[in-house]
Amino acid sequence: MEIALKIVLVIFSLGLIGTVLLQRGKSAGLSGAISGGAEHLFGKQKARGLDLFLQRLTIVLAVGFFVLSLVVAYVVKA
């Protein structure tokens, strides 16, 4: 049981790292602010759907990682 939980924890942690690295930065200094304003004005819907999906996936993986960390710590201690 302990080994299975640790394997799932490693999978969640790698998934969390991957989704964070795939996300686009909100701003890249002044050039990011200018291009971000243009994208907001003219619209860029294709990337917005992917960003929203990655943001929700990051939240799910972070909550799962936190809960699994607590469970693994409890199982190892018991």
PDB file of N, CA and C in Angstrom:
ATOM      1  N   MET A   1       0.825  -1.198   0.000  1.00  0.00           N
ATOM      2  CA  MET A   1       0.000   0.000   0.000  1.00  0.00           C
ATOM      3  C   MET A   1       0.870   1.263   0.000  1.00  0.00           C
ATOM      4  N   GLU A   2       1.911   1.225   0.831  1.00  0.00           N
ATOM      5  CA  GLU A   2       2.782   2.388   0.948  1.00  0.00           C
ATOM      6  C   GLU A   2       3.504   2.668  -0.372  1.00  0.00           C
ATOM      7  N   ILE A   3       3.981   1.629  -1.019  1.00  0.00           N
ATOM      8  CA  ILE A   3       4.704   1.804  -2.283  1.00  0.00           C
ATOM      9  C   ILE A   3       3.770   2.310  -3.376  1.00  0.00           C
ATOM     10  N   ALA A   4       2.544   1.795  -3.414  1.00  0.00           N
ATOM     11  CA  ALA A   4       1.575   2.246  -4.420  1.00  0.00           C
ATOM     12  C   ALA A   4       1.255   3.726  -4.233  1.00  0.00           C
ATOM     13  N   LEU A   5       1.084   4.159  -2.985  1.00  0.00           N
ATOM     14  CA  LEU A   5       0.805   5.568  -2.721  1.00  0.00           C
ATOM     15  C   LEU A   5       1.992   6.452  -3.112  1.00  0.00           C
ATOM     16  N   LYS A   6       3.192   5.975  -2.868  1.00  0.00           N
ATOM     17  CA  LYS A   6       4.368   6.759  -3.246  1.00  0.00           C
ATOM     18  C   LYS A   6       4.501   6.869  -4.759  1.00  0.00           C
ATOM     19  N   ILE A   7       4.169   5.803  -5.473  1.00  0.00           N
ATOM     20  CA  ILE A   7       4.212   5.850  -6.940  1.00  0.00           C
ATOM     21  C   ILE A   7       3.195   6.846  -7.478  1.00  0.00           C
ATOM     22  N   VAL A   8       1.990   6.828  -6.920  1.00  0.00           N
ATOM     23  CA  VAL A   8       0.953   7.781  -7.345  1.00  0.00           C
ATOM     24  C   VAL A   8       1.380   9.209  -7.007  1.00  0.00           C
ATOM     25  N   LEU A   9       2.032   9.393  -5.859  1.00  0.00           N
ATOM     26  CA  LEU A   9       2.531  10.718  -5.474  1.00  0.00           C
ATOM     27  C   LEU A   9       3.581  11.218  -6.458  1.00  0.00           C
ATOM     28  N   VAL A  10       4.469  10.348  -6.895  1.00  0.00           N
ATOM     29  CA  VAL A  10       5.486  10.736  -7.882  1.00  0.00           C
ATOM     30  C   VAL A  10       4.826  11.102  -9.212  1.00  0.00           C
ATOM     31  N   ILE A  11       3.808  10.347  -9.609  1.00  0.00           N
ATOM     32  CA  ILE A  11       3.093  10.651 -10.852  1.00  0.00           C
ATOM     33  C   ILE A  11       2.414  12.015 -10.760  1.00  0.00           C
ATOM     34  N   PHE A  12       1.777  12.290  -9.613  1.00  0.00           N
ATOM     35  CA  PHE A  12       1.134  13.593  -9.423  1.00  0.00           C
ATOM     36  C   PHE A  12       2.169  14.713  -9.440  1.00  0.00           C
ATOM     37  N   SER A  13       3.315  14.494  -8.808  1.00  0.00           N
ATOM     38  CA  SER A  13       4.327  15.546  -8.766  1.00  0.00           C
ATOM     39  C   SER A  13       4.906  15.823 -10.157  1.00  0.00           C
ATOM     40  N   LEU A  14       5.157  14.782 -10.936  1.00  0.00           N
ATOM     41  CA  LEU A  14       5.648  14.991 -12.304  1.00  0.00           C
ATOM     42  C   LEU A  14       4.602  15.675 -13.178  1.00  0.00           C
ATOM     43  N   GLY A  15       3.346  15.298 -13.001  1.00  0.00           N
ATOM     44  CA  GLY A  15       2.270  15.960 -13.742  1.00  0.00           C
ATOM     45  C   GLY A  15       2.141  17.422 -13.367  1.00  0.00           C
ATOM     46  N   LEU A  16       2.290  17.718 -12.085  1.00  0.00           N
ATOM     47  CA  LEU A  16       2.219  19.104 -11.622  1.00  0.00           C
ATOM     48  C   LEU A  16       3.374  19.930 -12.185  1.00  0.00           C
ATOM     49  N   ILE A  17       4.563  19.373 -12.175  1.00  0.00           N
ATOM     50  CA  ILE A  17       5.720  20.071 -12.740  1.00  0.00           C
ATOM     51  C   ILE A  17       5.506  20.321 -14.231  1.00  0.00           C
ATOM     52  N   GLY A  18       5.005  19.313 -14.934  1.00  0.00           N
ATOM     53  CA  GLY A  18       4.774  19.458 -16.367  1.00  0.00           C
ATOM     54  C   GLY A  18       3.740  20.515 -16.707  1.00  0.00           C
ATOM     55  N   THR A  19       2.635  20.529 -15.971  1.00  0.00           N
ATOM     56  CA  THR A  19       1.597  21.523 -16.276  1.00  0.00           C
ATOM     57  C   THR A  19       2.048  22.933 -15.943  1.00  0.00           C
ATOM     58  N   VAL A  20       2.824  23.088 -14.889  1.00  0.00           N
ATOM     59  CA  VAL A  20       3.328  24.426 -14.554  1.00  0.00           C
ATOM     60  C   VAL A  20       4.296  24.907 -15.639  1.00  0.00           C
ATOM     61  N   LEU A  21       5.137  24.004 -16.124  1.00  0.00           N
ATOM     62  CA  LEU A  21       6.089  24.406 -17.166  1.00  0.00           C
ATOM     63  C   LEU A  21       5.405  24.678 -18.502  1.00  0.00           C
ATOM     64  N   LEU A  22       4.271  24.045 -18.765  1.00  0.00           N
ATOM     65  CA  LEU A  22       3.568  24.272 -20.027  1.00  0.00           C
ATOM     66  C   LEU A  22       2.788  25.581 -20.046  1.00  0.00           C
ATOM     67  N   GLN A  23       2.503  26.144 -18.879  1.00  0.00           N
ATOM     68  CA  GLN A  23       1.720  27.369 -18.837  1.00  0.00           C
ATOM     69  C   GLN A  23       2.521  28.549 -19.343  1.00  0.00           C
ATOM     70  N   ARG A  24       1.810  29.443 -19.965  1.00  0.00           N
ATOM     71  CA  ARG A  24       2.422  30.657 -20.495  1.00  0.00           C
ATOM     72  C   ARG A  24       2.488  31.697 -19.384  1.00  0.00           C
ATOM     73  N   GLY A  25       3.538  32.489 -19.371  1.00  0.00           N
ATOM     74  CA  GLY A  25       3.664  33.562 -18.392  1.00  0.00           C
ATOM     75  C   GLY A  25       2.631  34.644 -18.648  1.00  0.00           C
ATOM     76  N   LYS A  26       2.188  35.276 -17.597  1.00  0.00           N
ATOM     77  CA  LYS A  26       1.163  36.318 -17.744  1.00  0.00           C
ATOM     78  C   LYS A  26       1.732  37.595 -18.352  1.00  0.00           C
ATOM     79  N   SER A  27       2.989  37.876 -18.044  1.00  0.00           N
ATOM     80  CA  SER A  27       3.587  39.090 -18.571  1.00  0.00           C
ATOM     81  C   SER A  27       5.079  38.874 -18.732  1.00  0.00           C
ATOM     82  N   ALA A  28       5.626  39.431 -19.772  1.00  0.00           N
ATOM     83  CA  ALA A  28       7.069  39.326 -20.001  1.00  0.00           C
ATOM     84  C   ALA A  28       7.656  40.727 -20.031  1.00  0.00           C
ATOM     85  N   GLY A  29       7.425  41.489 -19.007  1.00  0.00           N
ATOM     86  CA  GLY A  29       7.925  42.854 -18.955  1.00  0.00           C
ATOM     87  C   GLY A  29       7.062  43.781 -19.785  1.00  0.00           C
ATOM     88  N   LEU A  30       7.676  44.830 -20.308  1.00  0.00           N
ATOM     89  CA  LEU A  30       6.952  45.830 -21.079  1.00  0.00           C
ATOM     90  C   LEU A  30       6.443  45.267 -22.399  1.00  0.00           C
ATOM     91  N   SER A  31       7.237  44.431 -23.052  1.00  0.00           N
ATOM     92  CA  SER A  31       6.790  43.865 -24.325  1.00  0.00           C
ATOM     93  C   SER A  31       5.599  42.926 -24.109  1.00  0.00           C
ATOM     94  N   GLY A  32       5.585  42.222 -22.987  1.00  0.00           N
ATOM     95  CA  GLY A  32       4.457  41.361 -22.690  1.00  0.00           C
ATOM     96  C   GLY A  32       3.198  42.161 -22.398  1.00  0.00           C
ATOM     97  N   ALA A  33       3.361  43.308 -21.765  1.00  0.00           N
ATOM     98  CA  ALA A  33       2.209  44.157 -21.477  1.00  0.00           C
ATOM     99  C   ALA A  33       1.616  44.720 -22.759  1.00  0.00           C
ATOM    100  N   ILE A  34       2.482  45.098 -23.699  1.00  0.00           N
ATOM    101  CA  ILE A  34       2.002  45.663 -24.961  1.00  0.00           C
ATOM    102  C   ILE A  34       1.313  44.585 -25.797  1.00  0.00           C
ATOM    103  N   SER A  35       1.964  43.430 -25.938  1.00  0.00           N
ATOM    104  CA  SER A  35       1.354  42.378 -26.747  1.00  0.00           C
ATOM    105  C   SER A  35       0.129  41.800 -26.053  1.00  0.00           C
ATOM    106  N   GLY A  36       0.161  41.757 -24.727  1.00  0.00           N
ATOM    107  CA  GLY A  36      -1.006  41.271 -23.996  1.00  0.00           C
ATOM    108  C   GLY A  36      -2.201  42.175 -24.192  1.00  0.00           C
ATOM    109  N   GLY A  37      -1.961  43.482 -24.245  1.00  0.00           N
ATOM    110  CA  GLY A  37      -3.048  44.422 -24.491  1.00  0.00           C
ATOM    111  C   GLY A  37      -3.607  44.270 -25.892  1.00  0.00           C
ATOM    112  N   ALA A  38      -2.732  44.028 -26.868  1.00  0.00           N
ATOM    113  CA  ALA A  38      -3.184  43.827 -28.244  1.00  0.00           C
ATOM    114  C   ALA A  38      -3.988  42.540 -28.359  1.00  0.00           C
ATOM    115  N   GLU A  39      -3.533  41.490 -27.678  1.00  0.00           N
ATOM    116  CA  GLU A  39      -4.280  40.234 -27.717  1.00  0.00           C
ATOM    117  C   GLU A  39      -5.646  40.401 -27.067  1.00  0.00           C
ATOM    118  N   HIS A  40      -5.690  41.191 -26.008  1.00  0.00           N
ATOM    119  CA  HIS A  40      -6.973  41.427 -25.346  1.00  0.00           C
ATOM    120  C   HIS A  40      -7.909  42.233 -26.240  1.00  0.00           C
ATOM    121  N   LEU A  41      -7.353  43.201 -26.954  1.00  0.00           N
ATOM    122  CA  LEU A  41      -8.163  44.050 -27.820  1.00  0.00           C
ATOM    123  C   LEU A  41      -8.672  43.274 -29.032  1.00  0.00           C
ATOM    124  N   PHE A  42      -7.800  42.534 -29.695  1.00  0.00           N
ATOM    125  CA  PHE A  42      -8.170  41.829 -30.914  1.00  0.00           C
ATOM    126  C   PHE A  42      -8.632  40.408 -30.680  1.00  0.00           C
ATOM    127  N   GLY A  43      -8.365  39.881 -29.517  1.00  0.00           N
ATOM    128  CA  GLY A  43      -8.826  38.540 -29.173  1.00  0.00           C
ATOM    129  C   GLY A  43      -7.848  37.460 -29.596  1.00  0.00           C
ATOM    130  N   LYS A  44      -7.678  36.503 -28.725  1.00  0.00           N
ATOM    131  CA  LYS A  44      -6.846  35.345 -29.021  1.00  0.00           C
ATOM    132  C   LYS A  44      -7.480  34.179 -28.269  1.00  0.00           C
ATOM    133  N   GLN A  45      -8.528  33.615 -28.832  1.00  0.00           N
ATOM    134  CA  GLN A  45      -9.337  32.637 -28.131  1.00  0.00           C
ATOM    135  C   GLN A  45      -8.738  31.229 -28.129  1.00  0.00           C
ATOM    136  N   LYS A  46      -7.946  30.877 -29.123  1.00  0.00           N
ATOM    137  CA  LYS A  46      -7.410  29.519 -29.190  1.00  0.00           C
ATOM    138  C   LYS A  46      -6.499  29.237 -28.008  1.00  0.00           C
ATOM    139  N   ALA A  47      -5.608  30.146 -27.706  1.00  0.00           N
ATOM    140  CA  ALA A  47      -4.681  29.941 -26.599  1.00  0.00           C
ATOM    141  C   ALA A  47      -5.393  30.061 -25.260  1.00  0.00           C
ATOM    142  N   ARG A  48      -6.469  30.821 -25.205  1.00  0.00           N
ATOM    143  CA  ARG A  48      -7.187  31.018 -23.943  1.00  0.00           C
ATOM    144  C   ARG A  48      -7.790  29.712 -23.458  1.00  0.00           C
ATOM    145  N   GLY A  49      -8.321  28.892 -24.353  1.00  0.00           N
ATOM    146  CA  GLY A  49      -8.903  27.618 -23.954  1.00  0.00           C
ATOM    147  C   GLY A  49      -7.861  26.677 -23.381  1.00  0.00           C
ATOM    148  N   LEU A  50      -6.684  26.643 -23.991  1.00  0.00           N
ATOM    149  CA  LEU A  50      -5.606  25.801 -23.495  1.00  0.00           C
ATOM    150  C   LEU A  50      -5.095  26.314 -22.154  1.00  0.00           C
ATOM    151  N   ASP A  51      -4.976  27.625 -22.021  1.00  0.00           N
ATOM    152  CA  ASP A  51      -4.528  28.203 -20.749  1.00  0.00           C
ATOM    153  C   ASP A  51      -5.504  27.891 -19.625  1.00  0.00           C
ATOM    154  N   LEU A  52      -6.786  27.971 -19.917  1.00  0.00           N
ATOM    155  CA  LEU A  52      -7.797  27.676 -18.907  1.00  0.00           C
ATOM    156  C   LEU A  52      -7.743  26.206 -18.500  1.00  0.00           C
ATOM    157  N   PHE A  53      -7.570  25.314 -19.480  1.00  0.00           N
ATOM    158  CA  PHE A  53      -7.458  23.888 -19.183  1.00  0.00           C
ATOM    159  C   PHE A  53      -6.230  23.603 -18.329  1.00  0.00           C
ATOM    160  N   LEU A  54      -5.095  24.191 -18.680  1.00  0.00           N
ATOM    161  CA  LEU A  54      -3.874  23.972 -17.913  1.00  0.00           C
ATOM    162  C   LEU A  54      -3.991  24.539 -16.505  1.00  0.00           C
ATOM    163  N   GLN A  55      -4.678  25.660 -16.368  1.00  0.00           N
ATOM    164  CA  GLN A  55      -4.862  26.257 -15.047  1.00  0.00           C
ATOM    165  C   GLN A  55      -5.712  25.348 -14.159  1.00  0.00           C
ATOM    166  N   ARG A  56      -6.792  24.815 -14.698  1.00  0.00           N
ATOM    167  CA  ARG A  56      -7.649  23.918 -13.911  1.00  0.00           C
ATOM    168  C   ARG A  56      -6.940  22.607 -13.605  1.00  0.00           C
ATOM    169  N   LEU A  57      -6.181  22.091 -14.564  1.00  0.00           N
ATOM    170  CA  LEU A  57      -5.434  20.854 -14.339  1.00  0.00           C
ATOM    171  C   LEU A  57      -4.374  21.060 -13.259  1.00  0.00           C
ATOM    172  N   THR A  58      -3.745  22.223 -13.236  1.00  0.00           N
ATOM    173  CA  THR A  58      -2.761  22.535 -12.211  1.00  0.00           C
ATOM    174  C   THR A  58      -3.399  22.554 -10.829  1.00  0.00           C
ATOM    175  N   ILE A  59      -4.586  23.126 -10.725  1.00  0.00           N
ATOM    176  CA  ILE A  59      -5.278  23.168  -9.443  1.00  0.00           C
ATOM    177  C   ILE A  59      -5.620  21.758  -8.972  1.00  0.00           C
ATOM    178  N   VAL A  60      -6.130  20.942  -9.872  1.00  0.00           N
ATOM    179  CA  VAL A  60      -6.491  19.568  -9.520  1.00  0.00           C
ATOM    180  C   VAL A  60      -5.263  18.779  -9.082  1.00  0.00           C
ATOM    181  N   LEU A  61      -4.185  18.894  -9.838  1.00  0.00           N
ATOM    182  CA  LEU A  61      -2.966  18.168  -9.494  1.00  0.00           C
ATOM    183  C   LEU A  61      -2.354  18.681  -8.193  1.00  0.00           C
ATOM    184  N   ALA A  62      -2.424  19.972  -7.933  1.00  0.00           N
ATOM    185  CA  ALA A  62      -1.871  20.521  -6.697  1.00  0.00           C
ATOM    186  C   ALA A  62      -2.657  20.028  -5.482  1.00  0.00           C
ATOM    187  N   VAL A  63      -3.980  20.022  -5.582  1.00  0.00           N
ATOM    188  CA  VAL A  63      -4.801  19.522  -4.477  1.00  0.00           C
ATOM    189  C   VAL A  63      -4.544  18.034  -4.265  1.00  0.00           C
ATOM    190  N   GLY A  64      -4.469  17.275  -5.353  1.00  0.00           N
ATOM    191  CA  GLY A  64      -4.180  15.848  -5.246  1.00  0.00           C
ATOM    192  C   GLY A  64      -2.813  15.586  -4.646  1.00  0.00           C
ATOM    193  N   PHE A  65      -1.819  16.377  -5.044  1.00  0.00           N
ATOM    194  CA  PHE A  65      -0.476  16.234  -4.498  1.00  0.00           C
ATOM    195  C   PHE A  65      -0.469  16.514  -2.999  1.00  0.00           C
ATOM    196  N   PHE A  66      -1.168  17.550  -2.580  1.00  0.00           N
ATOM    197  CA  PHE A  66      -1.222  17.911  -1.170  1.00  0.00           C
ATOM    198  C   PHE A  66      -1.889  16.821  -0.348  1.00  0.00           C
ATOM    199  N   VAL A  67      -3.021  16.329  -0.825  1.00  0.00           N
ATOM    200  CA  VAL A  67      -3.748  15.287  -0.102  1.00  0.00           C
ATOM    201  C   VAL A  67      -2.932  14.000  -0.055  1.00  0.00           C
ATOM    202  N   LEU A  68      -2.348  13.609  -1.185  1.00  0.00           N
ATOM    203  CA  LEU A  68      -1.528  12.400  -1.208  1.00  0.00           C
ATOM    204  C   LEU A  68      -0.302  12.525  -0.309  1.00  0.00           C
ATOM    205  N   SER A  69       0.275  13.708  -0.218  1.00  0.00           N
ATOM    206  CA  SER A  69       1.417  13.908   0.676  1.00  0.00           C
ATOM    207  C   SER A  69       1.019  13.667   2.121  1.00  0.00           C
ATOM    208  N   LEU A  70      -0.142  14.167   2.507  1.00  0.00           N
ATOM    209  CA  LEU A  70      -0.619  13.943   3.869  1.00  0.00           C
ATOM    210  C   LEU A  70      -0.917  12.472   4.121  1.00  0.00           C
ATOM    211  N   VAL A  71      -1.524  11.800   3.145  1.00  0.00           N
ATOM    212  CA  VAL A  71      -1.855  10.393   3.296  1.00  0.00           C
ATOM    213  C   VAL A  71      -0.588   9.544   3.398  1.00  0.00           C
ATOM    214  N   VAL A  72       0.386   9.819   2.546  1.00  0.00           N
ATOM    215  CA  VAL A  72       1.638   9.056   2.576  1.00  0.00           C
ATOM    216  C   VAL A  72       2.352   9.295   3.914  1.00  0.00           C
ATOM    217  N   ALA A  73       2.363  10.517   4.391  1.00  0.00           N
ATOM    218  CA  ALA A  73       3.001  10.802   5.678  1.00  0.00           C
ATOM    219  C   ALA A  73       2.301  10.054   6.814  1.00  0.00           C
ATOM    220  N   TYR A  74       0.988   9.978   6.756  1.00  0.00           N
ATOM    221  CA  TYR A  74       0.224   9.258   7.793  1.00  0.00           C
ATOM    222  C   TYR A  74       0.496   7.756   7.720  1.00  0.00           C
ATOM    223  N   VAL A  75       0.524   7.202   6.504  1.00  0.00           N
ATOM    224  CA  VAL A  75       0.742   5.754   6.329  1.00  0.00           C
ATOM    225  C   VAL A  75       2.156   5.371   6.755  1.00  0.00           C
ATOM    226  N   VAL A  76       3.143   6.190   6.411  1.00  0.00           N
ATOM    227  CA  VAL A  76       4.527   5.884   6.773  1.00  0.00           C
ATOM    228  C   VAL A  76       4.722   5.944   8.283  1.00  0.00           C
ATOM    229  N   LYS A  77       4.063   6.907   8.921  1.00  0.00           N
ATOM    230  CA  LYS A  77       4.205   7.084  10.367  1.00  0.00           C
ATOM    231  C   LYS A  77       3.497   5.984  11.139  1.00  0.00           C
ATOM    232  N   ALA A  78       2.394   5.487  10.607  1.00  0.00           N
ATOM    233  CA  ALA A  78       1.599   4.481  11.328  1.00  0.00           C
ATOM    234  C   ALA A  78       2.194   3.099  11.279  1.00  0.00           C
TER     235      ALA A  78
END
